[in-house]
Amino acid sequence: MGDIAKRIVIEGRVQGIGFRWWIANWANARGLDGWVRNRREGTVEALFHGPEEFVNHMIEACREGPEGARVRNVKEYDDEPPDEPGFEQRPSV
């Protein structure tokens, strides 16, 4: 298995509960590159890049989220790897 890049949009009760922090910690623990940010319409968006197994595991974990989250839907898209290595929390858009 090689590296893949996936962008996801998480819908539901996902803001104001530490979802971005939770994602960043999980992603960093698995050595993934990418980013996470809140969007104005109330969703959380993230880009994960790394070994296919770890990216897929991260996406599955996001279907549950941290304590307090109520994930209604996770949309998944193929994407390009980020320009920079590492994983960061980005400002809301």
PDB file of N, CA and C in Angstrom:
ATOM      1  N   MET A   1       0.835  -1.187   0.000  1.00  0.00           N
ATOM      2  CA  MET A   1       0.000   0.000   0.000  1.00  0.00           C
ATOM      3  C   MET A   1       0.875   1.244   0.000  1.00  0.00           C
ATOM      4  N   GLY A   2       0.458   2.228  -0.793  1.00  0.00           N
ATOM      5  CA  GLY A   2       1.207   3.468  -0.856  1.00  0.00           C
ATOM      6  C   GLY A   2       0.523   4.582  -0.090  1.00  0.00           C
ATOM      7  N   ASP A   3       1.051   5.766  -0.293  1.00  0.00           N
ATOM      8  CA  ASP A   3       0.464   6.945   0.336  1.00  0.00           C
ATOM      9  C   ASP A   3      -0.719   7.448  -0.475  1.00  0.00           C
ATOM     10  N   ILE A   4      -1.711   7.966   0.243  1.00  0.00           N
ATOM     11  CA  ILE A   4      -2.881   8.569  -0.394  1.00  0.00           C
ATOM     12  C   ILE A   4      -3.182   9.898   0.293  1.00  0.00           C
ATOM     13  N   ALA A   5      -3.972  10.727  -0.370  1.00  0.00           N
ATOM     14  CA  ALA A   5      -4.441  11.991   0.204  1.00  0.00           C
ATOM     15  C   ALA A   5      -5.954  12.032   0.081  1.00  0.00           C
ATOM     16  N   LYS A   6      -6.624  12.290   1.200  1.00  0.00           N
ATOM     17  CA  LYS A   6      -8.089  12.387   1.230  1.00  0.00           C
ATOM     18  C   LYS A   6      -8.481  13.653   1.978  1.00  0.00           C
ATOM     19  N   ARG A   7      -9.467  14.351   1.438  1.00  0.00           N
ATOM     20  CA  ARG A   7     -10.070  15.500   2.116  1.00  0.00           C
ATOM     21  C   ARG A   7     -11.453  15.080   2.557  1.00  0.00           C
ATOM     22  N   ILE A   8     -11.802  15.421   3.796  1.00  0.00           N
ATOM     23  CA  ILE A   8     -13.121  15.079   4.306  1.00  0.00           C
ATOM     24  C   ILE A   8     -13.821  16.320   4.834  1.00  0.00           C
ATOM     25  N   VAL A   9     -15.143  16.279   4.796  1.00  0.00           N
ATOM     26  CA  VAL A   9     -15.984  17.312   5.399  1.00  0.00           C
ATOM     27  C   VAL A   9     -16.914  16.593   6.365  1.00  0.00           C
ATOM     28  N   ILE A  10     -16.853  16.989   7.636  1.00  0.00           N
ATOM     29  CA  ILE A  10     -17.612  16.329   8.692  1.00  0.00           C
ATOM     30  C   ILE A  10     -18.792  17.210   9.070  1.00  0.00           C
ATOM     31  N   GLU A  11     -20.000  16.644   9.000  1.00  0.00           N
ATOM     32  CA  GLU A  11     -21.224  17.384   9.298  1.00  0.00           C
ATOM     33  C   GLU A  11     -21.833  16.885  10.597  1.00  0.00           C
ATOM     34  N   GLY A  12     -22.543  17.758  11.284  1.00  0.00           N
ATOM     35  CA  GLY A  12     -23.210  17.409  12.529  1.00  0.00           C
ATOM     36  C   GLY A  12     -22.843  18.406  13.609  1.00  0.00           C
ATOM     37  N   ARG A  13     -22.875  17.947  14.853  1.00  0.00           N
ATOM     38  CA  ARG A  13     -22.433  18.789  15.974  1.00  0.00           C
ATOM     39  C   ARG A  13     -20.938  18.550  16.121  1.00  0.00           C
ATOM     40  N   VAL A  14     -20.152  19.365  15.416  1.00  0.00           N
ATOM     41  CA  VAL A  14     -18.712  19.109  15.326  1.00  0.00           C
ATOM     42  C   VAL A  14     -17.859  20.331  15.661  1.00  0.00           C
ATOM     43  N   GLN A  15     -18.481  21.461  15.968  1.00  0.00           N
ATOM     44  CA  GLN A  15     -17.713  22.648  16.336  1.00  0.00           C
ATOM     45  C   GLN A  15     -17.959  22.991  17.796  1.00  0.00           C
ATOM     46  N   GLY A  16     -16.946  23.592  18.423  1.00  0.00           N
ATOM     47  CA  GLY A  16     -17.074  24.007  19.809  1.00  0.00           C
ATOM     48  C   GLY A  16     -16.889  22.894  20.820  1.00  0.00           C
ATOM     49  N   ILE A  17     -16.366  21.755  20.368  1.00  0.00           N
ATOM     50  CA  ILE A  17     -16.188  20.609  21.271  1.00  0.00           C
ATOM     51  C   ILE A  17     -14.769  20.044  21.212  1.00  0.00           C
ATOM     52  N   GLY A  18     -13.855  20.739  20.546  1.00  0.00           N
ATOM     53  CA  GLY A  18     -12.476  20.273  20.454  1.00  0.00           C
ATOM     54  C   GLY A  18     -12.214  19.288  19.340  1.00  0.00           C
ATOM     55  N   PHE A  19     -13.074  19.257  18.324  1.00  0.00           N
ATOM     56  CA  PHE A  19     -12.910  18.294  17.220  1.00  0.00           C
ATOM     57  C   PHE A  19     -11.598  18.537  16.478  1.00  0.00           C
ATOM     58  N   ARG A  20     -11.267  19.811  16.191  1.00  0.00           N
ATOM     59  CA  ARG A  20     -10.020  20.092  15.464  1.00  0.00           C
ATOM     60  C   ARG A  20      -8.810  19.627  16.271  1.00  0.00           C
ATOM     61  N   TRP A  21      -8.800  19.920  17.565  1.00  0.00           N
ATOM     62  CA  TRP A  21      -7.695  19.513  18.430  1.00  0.00           C
ATOM     63  C   TRP A  21      -7.581  17.990  18.443  1.00  0.00           C
ATOM     64  N   TRP A  22      -8.722  17.304  18.564  1.00  0.00           N
ATOM     65  CA  TRP A  22      -8.763  15.844  18.583  1.00  0.00           C
ATOM     66  C   TRP A  22      -8.189  15.262  17.285  1.00  0.00           C
ATOM     67  N   ILE A  23      -8.619  15.820  16.145  1.00  0.00           N
ATOM     68  CA  ILE A  23      -8.106  15.355  14.849  1.00  0.00           C
ATOM     69  C   ILE A  23      -6.604  15.575  14.757  1.00  0.00           C
ATOM     70  N   ALA A  24      -6.135  16.767  15.124  1.00  0.00           N
ATOM     71  CA  ALA A  24      -4.702  17.070  15.033  1.00  0.00           C
ATOM     72  C   ALA A  24      -3.875  16.106  15.884  1.00  0.00           C
ATOM     73  N   ASN A  25      -4.340  15.796  17.087  1.00  0.00           N
ATOM     74  CA  ASN A  25      -3.618  14.857  17.946  1.00  0.00           C
ATOM     75  C   ASN A  25      -3.557  13.462  17.334  1.00  0.00           C
ATOM     76  N   TRP A  26      -4.687  12.973  16.837  1.00  0.00           N
ATOM     77  CA  TRP A  26      -4.728  11.641  16.213  1.00  0.00           C
ATOM     78  C   TRP A  26      -3.825  11.599  14.982  1.00  0.00           C
ATOM     79  N   ALA A  27      -3.922  12.623  14.139  1.00  0.00           N
ATOM     80  CA  ALA A  27      -3.138  12.656  12.902  1.00  0.00           C
ATOM     81  C   ALA A  27      -1.643  12.717  13.203  1.00  0.00           C
ATOM     82  N   ASN A  28      -1.252  13.562  14.145  1.00  0.00           N
ATOM     83  CA  ASN A  28       0.161  13.668  14.510  1.00  0.00           C
ATOM     84  C   ASN A  28       0.674  12.364  15.102  1.00  0.00           C
ATOM     85  N   ALA A  29      -0.135  11.682  15.898  1.00  0.00           N
ATOM     86  CA  ALA A  29       0.273  10.411  16.498  1.00  0.00           C
ATOM     87  C   ALA A  29       0.516   9.340  15.436  1.00  0.00           C
ATOM     88  N   ARG A  30      -0.119   9.471  14.286  1.00  0.00           N
ATOM     89  CA  ARG A  30       0.032   8.493  13.200  1.00  0.00           C
ATOM     90  C   ARG A  30       0.984   8.976  12.109  1.00  0.00           C
ATOM     91  N   GLY A  31       1.590  10.137  12.308  1.00  0.00           N
ATOM     92  CA  GLY A  31       2.566  10.646  11.347  1.00  0.00           C
ATOM     93  C   GLY A  31       1.959  11.137  10.052  1.00  0.00           C
ATOM     94  N   LEU A  32       0.679  11.523  10.082  1.00  0.00           N
ATOM     95  CA  LEU A  32       0.029  12.000   8.863  1.00  0.00           C
ATOM     96  C   LEU A  32       0.363  13.466   8.608  1.00  0.00           C
ATOM     97  N   ASP A  33       0.384  13.841   7.340  1.00  0.00           N
ATOM     98  CA  ASP A  33       0.503  15.236   6.932  1.00  0.00           C
ATOM     99  C   ASP A  33      -0.886  15.756   6.626  1.00  0.00           C
ATOM    100  N   GLY A  34      -1.051  17.095   6.703  1.00  0.00           N
ATOM    101  CA  GLY A  34      -2.323  17.693   6.321  1.00  0.00           C
ATOM    102  C   GLY A  34      -2.727  18.815   7.232  1.00  0.00           C
ATOM    103  N   TRP A  35      -4.017  19.016   7.323  1.00  0.00           N
ATOM    104  CA  TRP A  35      -4.557  20.129   8.103  1.00  0.00           C
ATOM    105  C   TRP A  35      -6.013  19.876   8.472  1.00  0.00           C
ATOM    106  N   VAL A  36      -6.523  20.693   9.405  1.00  0.00           N
ATOM    107  CA  VAL A  36      -7.925  20.655   9.800  1.00  0.00           C
ATOM    108  C   VAL A  36      -8.367  22.082  10.072  1.00  0.00           C
ATOM    109  N   ARG A  37      -9.631  22.378   9.757  1.00  0.00           N
ATOM    110  CA  ARG A  37     -10.174  23.721  10.000  1.00  0.00           C
ATOM    111  C   ARG A  37     -11.686  23.661  10.122  1.00  0.00           C
ATOM    112  N   ASN A  38     -12.242  24.644  10.838  1.00  0.00           N
ATOM    113  CA  ASN A  38     -13.693  24.832  10.886  1.00  0.00           C
ATOM    114  C   ASN A  38     -14.118  25.614   9.659  1.00  0.00           C
ATOM    115  N   ARG A  39     -15.347  25.356   9.223  1.00  0.00           N
ATOM    116  CA  ARG A  39     -15.927  26.126   8.118  1.00  0.00           C
ATOM    117  C   ARG A  39     -17.136  26.887   8.651  1.00  0.00           C
ATOM    118  N   ARG A  40     -17.405  28.028   8.042  1.00  0.00           N
ATOM    119  CA  ARG A  40     -18.471  28.914   8.529  1.00  0.00           C
ATOM    120  C   ARG A  40     -19.838  28.252   8.597  1.00  0.00           C
ATOM    121  N   GLU A  41     -20.097  27.298   7.705  1.00  0.00           N
ATOM    122  CA  GLU A  41     -21.423  26.664   7.697  1.00  0.00           C
ATOM    123  C   GLU A  41     -21.597  25.627   8.805  1.00  0.00           C
ATOM    124  N   GLY A  42     -20.569  25.486   9.674  1.00  0.00           N
ATOM    125  CA  GLY A  42     -20.713  24.601  10.826  1.00  0.00           C
ATOM    126  C   GLY A  42     -20.080  23.229  10.671  1.00  0.00           C
ATOM    127  N   THR A  43     -19.349  23.008   9.602  1.00  0.00           N
ATOM    128  CA  THR A  43     -18.681  21.725   9.393  1.00  0.00           C
ATOM    129  C   THR A  43     -17.211  21.829   9.798  1.00  0.00           C
ATOM    130  N   VAL A  44     -16.552  20.677   9.844  1.00  0.00           N
ATOM    131  CA  VAL A  44     -15.108  20.604  10.015  1.00  0.00           C
ATOM    132  C   VAL A  44     -14.554  19.949   8.751  1.00  0.00           C
ATOM    133  N   GLU A  45     -13.488  20.537   8.203  1.00  0.00           N
ATOM    134  CA  GLU A  45     -12.854  20.023   6.992  1.00  0.00           C
ATOM    135  C   GLU A  45     -11.420  19.628   7.319  1.00  0.00           C
ATOM    136  N   ALA A  46     -10.963  18.507   6.769  1.00  0.00           N
ATOM    137  CA  ALA A  46      -9.598  18.051   7.039  1.00  0.00           C
ATOM    138  C   ALA A  46      -9.008  17.405   5.797  1.00  0.00           C
ATOM    139  N   LEU A  47      -7.694  17.501   5.685  1.00  0.00           N
ATOM    140  CA  LEU A  47      -6.942  16.818   4.639  1.00  0.00           C
ATOM    141  C   LEU A  47      -5.943  15.899   5.326  1.00  0.00           C
ATOM    142  N   PHE A  48      -5.964  14.624   4.947  1.00  0.00           N
ATOM    143  CA  PHE A  48      -5.039  13.642   5.500  1.00  0.00           C
ATOM    144  C   PHE A  48      -4.185  13.078   4.370  1.00  0.00           C
ATOM    145  N   HIS A  49      -2.877  12.992   4.606  1.00  0.00           N
ATOM    146  CA  HIS A  49      -1.969  12.394   3.627  1.00  0.00           C
ATOM    147  C   HIS A  49      -0.995  11.484   4.363  1.00  0.00           C
ATOM    148  N   GLY A  50      -0.862  10.270   3.844  1.00  0.00           N
ATOM    149  CA  GLY A  50       0.063   9.307   4.433  1.00  0.00           C
ATOM    150  C   GLY A  50      -0.277   7.913   3.969  1.00  0.00           C
ATOM    151  N   PRO A  51       0.227   6.897   4.678  1.00  0.00           N
ATOM    152  CA  PRO A  51      -0.065   5.514   4.303  1.00  0.00           C
ATOM    153  C   PRO A  51      -1.579   5.265   4.258  1.00  0.00           C
ATOM    154  N   GLU A  52      -2.014   4.568   3.227  1.00  0.00           N
ATOM    155  CA  GLU A  52      -3.445   4.330   3.011  1.00  0.00           C
ATOM    156  C   GLU A  52      -4.136   3.785   4.258  1.00  0.00           C
ATOM    157  N   GLU A  53      -3.510   2.832   4.933  1.00  0.00           N
ATOM    158  CA  GLU A  53      -4.100   2.224   6.123  1.00  0.00           C
ATOM    159  C   GLU A  53      -4.361   3.267   7.213  1.00  0.00           C
ATOM    160  N   PHE A  54      -3.397   4.167   7.441  1.00  0.00           N
ATOM    161  CA  PHE A  54      -3.544   5.185   8.488  1.00  0.00           C
ATOM    162  C   PHE A  54      -4.574   6.240   8.107  1.00  0.00           C
ATOM    163  N   VAL A  55      -4.587   6.647   6.838  1.00  0.00           N
ATOM    164  CA  VAL A  55      -5.576   7.641   6.375  1.00  0.00           C
ATOM    165  C   VAL A  55      -6.981   7.064   6.529  1.00  0.00           C
ATOM    166  N   ASN A  56      -7.187   5.839   6.095  1.00  0.00           N
ATOM    167  CA  ASN A  56      -8.512   5.219   6.205  1.00  0.00           C
ATOM    168  C   ASN A  56      -8.932   5.046   7.667  1.00  0.00           C
ATOM    169  N   HIS A  57      -8.002   4.689   8.520  1.00  0.00           N
ATOM    170  CA  HIS A  57      -8.301   4.557   9.955  1.00  0.00           C
ATOM    171  C   HIS A  57      -8.701   5.912  10.535  1.00  0.00           C
ATOM    172  N   MET A  58      -8.021   6.959  10.121  1.00  0.00           N
ATOM    173  CA  MET A  58      -8.331   8.305  10.603  1.00  0.00           C
ATOM    174  C   MET A  58      -9.735   8.721  10.179  1.00  0.00           C
ATOM    175  N   ILE A  59     -10.088   8.440   8.932  1.00  0.00           N
ATOM    176  CA  ILE A  59     -11.426   8.784   8.433  1.00  0.00           C
ATOM    177  C   ILE A  59     -12.497   8.030   9.212  1.00  0.00           C
ATOM    178  N   GLU A  60     -12.261   6.747   9.468  1.00  0.00           N
ATOM    179  CA  GLU A  60     -13.230   5.966  10.248  1.00  0.00           C
ATOM    180  C   GLU A  60     -13.371   6.527  11.663  1.00  0.00           C
ATOM    181  N   ALA A  61     -12.265   6.933  12.278  1.00  0.00           N
ATOM    182  CA  ALA A  61     -12.327   7.518  13.619  1.00  0.00           C
ATOM    183  C   ALA A  61     -13.145   8.806  13.607  1.00  0.00           C
ATOM    184  N   CYS A  62     -13.055   9.571  12.527  1.00  0.00           N
ATOM    185  CA  CYS A  62     -13.803  10.829  12.418  1.00  0.00           C
ATOM    186  C   CYS A  62     -15.312  10.594  12.307  1.00  0.00           C
ATOM    187  N   ARG A  63     -15.730   9.407  11.929  1.00  0.00           N
ATOM    188  CA  ARG A  63     -17.166   9.104  11.867  1.00  0.00           C
ATOM    189  C   ARG A  63     -17.780   9.059  13.267  1.00  0.00           C
ATOM    190  N   GLU A  64     -16.951   8.865  14.290  1.00  0.00           N
ATOM    191  CA  GLU A  64     -17.382   8.893  15.689  1.00  0.00           C
ATOM    192  C   GLU A  64     -17.012  10.227  16.325  1.00  0.00           C
ATOM    193  N   GLY A  65     -15.747  10.625  16.180  1.00  0.00           N
ATOM    194  CA  GLY A  65     -15.277  11.883  16.740  1.00  0.00           C
ATOM    195  C   GLY A  65     -15.033  11.810  18.228  1.00  0.00           C
ATOM    196  N   PRO A  66     -14.683  12.954  18.811  1.00  0.00           N
ATOM    197  CA  PRO A  66     -14.424  13.003  20.246  1.00  0.00           C
ATOM    198  C   PRO A  66     -15.716  12.997  21.048  1.00  0.00           C
ATOM    199  N   GLU A  67     -15.565  12.871  22.366  1.00  0.00           N
ATOM    200  CA  GLU A  67     -16.722  12.929  23.250  1.00  0.00           C
ATOM    201  C   GLU A  67     -17.454  14.251  23.028  1.00  0.00           C
ATOM    202  N   GLY A  68     -18.766  14.186  22.926  1.00  0.00           N
ATOM    203  CA  GLY A  68     -19.572  15.380  22.707  1.00  0.00           C
ATOM    204  C   GLY A  68     -19.935  15.612  21.251  1.00  0.00           C
ATOM    205  N   ALA A  69     -19.244  14.943  20.344  1.00  0.00           N
ATOM    206  CA  ALA A  69     -19.550  15.102  18.914  1.00  0.00           C
ATOM    207  C   ALA A  69     -20.789  14.303  18.546  1.00  0.00           C
ATOM    208  N   ARG A  70     -21.522  14.802  17.584  1.00  0.00           N
ATOM    209  CA  ARG A  70     -22.657  14.086  16.998  1.00  0.00           C
ATOM    210  C   ARG A  70     -22.465  14.144  15.481  1.00  0.00           C
ATOM    211  N   VAL A  71     -21.683  13.226  14.962  1.00  0.00           N
ATOM    212  CA  VAL A  71     -21.373  13.213  13.533  1.00  0.00           C
ATOM    213  C   VAL A  71     -22.578  12.683  12.769  1.00  0.00           C
ATOM    214  N   ARG A  72     -23.057  13.487  11.833  1.00  0.00           N
ATOM    215  CA  ARG A  72     -24.200  13.107  11.015  1.00  0.00           C
ATOM    216  C   ARG A  72     -23.758  12.503   9.685  1.00  0.00           C
ATOM    217  N   ASN A  73     -22.650  13.034   9.124  1.00  0.00           N
ATOM    218  CA  ASN A  73     -22.193  12.583   7.817  1.00  0.00           C
ATOM    219  C   ASN A  73     -20.721  12.941   7.645  1.00  0.00           C
ATOM    220  N   VAL A  74     -19.988  12.103   6.906  1.00  0.00           N
ATOM    221  CA  VAL A  74     -18.611  12.406   6.526  1.00  0.00           C
ATOM    222  C   VAL A  74     -18.516  12.242   5.014  1.00  0.00           C
ATOM    223  N   LYS A  75     -18.254  13.367   4.335  1.00  0.00           N
ATOM    224  CA  LYS A  75     -18.038  13.334   2.884  1.00  0.00           C
ATOM    225  C   LYS A  75     -16.550  13.176   2.640  1.00  0.00           C
ATOM    226  N   GLU A  76     -16.200  12.332   1.688  1.00  0.00           N
ATOM    227  CA  GLU A  76     -14.807  11.973   1.445  1.00  0.00           C
ATOM    228  C   GLU A  76     -14.451  12.232  -0.015  1.00  0.00           C
ATOM    229  N   TYR A  77     -13.290  12.866  -0.243  1.00  0.00           N
ATOM    230  CA  TYR A  77     -12.843  13.222  -1.590  1.00  0.00           C
ATOM    231  C   TYR A  77     -11.370  12.862  -1.761  1.00  0.00           C
ATOM    232  N   ASP A  78     -11.002  12.350  -2.942  1.00  0.00           N
ATOM    233  CA  ASP A  78      -9.587  12.196  -3.276  1.00  0.00           C
ATOM    234  C   ASP A  78      -9.005  13.597  -3.436  1.00  0.00           C
ATOM    235  N   ASP A  79      -7.752  13.780  -3.031  1.00  0.00           N
ATOM    236  CA  ASP A  79      -7.136  15.103  -3.112  1.00  0.00           C
ATOM    237  C   ASP A  79      -5.643  14.959  -3.349  1.00  0.00           C
ATOM    238  N   GLU A  80      -4.954  16.082  -3.390  1.00  0.00           N
ATOM    239  CA  GLU A  80      -3.509  16.126  -3.566  1.00  0.00           C
ATOM    240  C   GLU A  80      -2.845  16.264  -2.194  1.00  0.00           C
ATOM    241  N   PRO A  81      -1.614  15.772  -2.045  1.00  0.00           N
ATOM    242  CA  PRO A  81      -0.906  15.939  -0.767  1.00  0.00           C
ATOM    243  C   PRO A  81      -0.719  17.427  -0.447  1.00  0.00           C
ATOM    244  N   PRO A  82      -0.594  17.762   0.840  1.00  0.00           N
ATOM    245  CA  PRO A  82      -0.360  19.154   1.209  1.00  0.00           C
ATOM    246  C   PRO A  82       1.019  19.617   0.735  1.00  0.00           C
ATOM    247  N   ASP A  83       1.203  20.927   0.646  1.00  0.00           N
ATOM    248  CA  ASP A  83       2.485  21.485   0.196  1.00  0.00           C
ATOM    249  C   ASP A  83       3.591  21.299   1.216  1.00  0.00           C
ATOM    250  N   GLU A  84       3.224  21.280   2.502  1.00  0.00           N
ATOM    251  CA  GLU A  84       4.207  21.186   3.583  1.00  0.00           C
ATOM    252  C   GLU A  84       4.002  19.909   4.386  1.00  0.00           C
ATOM    253  N   PRO A  85       5.092  19.338   4.919  1.00  0.00           N
ATOM    254  CA  PRO A  85       4.944  18.176   5.809  1.00  0.00           C
ATOM    255  C   PRO A  85       4.396  18.600   7.168  1.00  0.00           C
ATOM    256  N   GLY A  86       3.892  17.634   7.915  1.00  0.00           N
ATOM    257  CA  GLY A  86       3.344  17.901   9.236  1.00  0.00           C
ATOM    258  C   GLY A  86       1.842  18.082   9.191  1.00  0.00           C
ATOM    259  N   PHE A  87       1.243  18.236  10.353  1.00  0.00           N
ATOM    260  CA  PHE A  87      -0.202  18.396  10.454  1.00  0.00           C
ATOM    261  C   PHE A  87      -0.495  19.633  11.272  1.00  0.00           C
ATOM    262  N   GLU A  88      -1.402  20.491  10.777  1.00  0.00           N
ATOM    263  CA  GLU A  88      -1.677  21.758  11.446  1.00  0.00           C
ATOM    264  C   GLU A  88      -3.168  22.047  11.559  1.00  0.00           C
ATOM    265  N   GLN A  89      -3.498  22.830  12.576  1.00  0.00           N
ATOM    266  CA  GLN A  89      -4.836  23.381  12.707  1.00  0.00           C
ATOM    267  C   GLN A  89      -4.820  24.725  11.987  1.00  0.00           C
ATOM    268  N   ARG A  90      -5.715  24.887  11.040  1.00  0.00           N
ATOM    269  CA  ARG A  90      -5.774  26.133  10.275  1.00  0.00           C
ATOM    270  C   ARG A  90      -6.922  27.012  10.772  1.00  0.00           C
ATOM    271  N   PRO A  91      -6.833  28.312  10.485  1.00  0.00           N
ATOM    272  CA  PRO A  91      -7.939  29.211  10.856  1.00  0.00           C
ATOM    273  C   PRO A  91      -9.231  28.830  10.127  1.00  0.00           C
ATOM    274  N   SER A  92     -10.341  29.204  10.707  1.00  0.00           N
ATOM    275  CA  SER A  92     -11.650  28.945  10.096  1.00  0.00           C
ATOM    276  C   SER A  92     -11.778  29.676   8.769  1.00  0.00           C
ATOM    277  N   VAL A  93     -12.567  29.087   7.877  1.00  0.00           N
ATOM    278  CA  VAL A  93     -12.861  29.733   6.572  1.00  0.00           C
ATOM    279  C   VAL A  93     -14.354  29.773   6.345  1.00  0.00           C
TER     280      VAL A  93
END
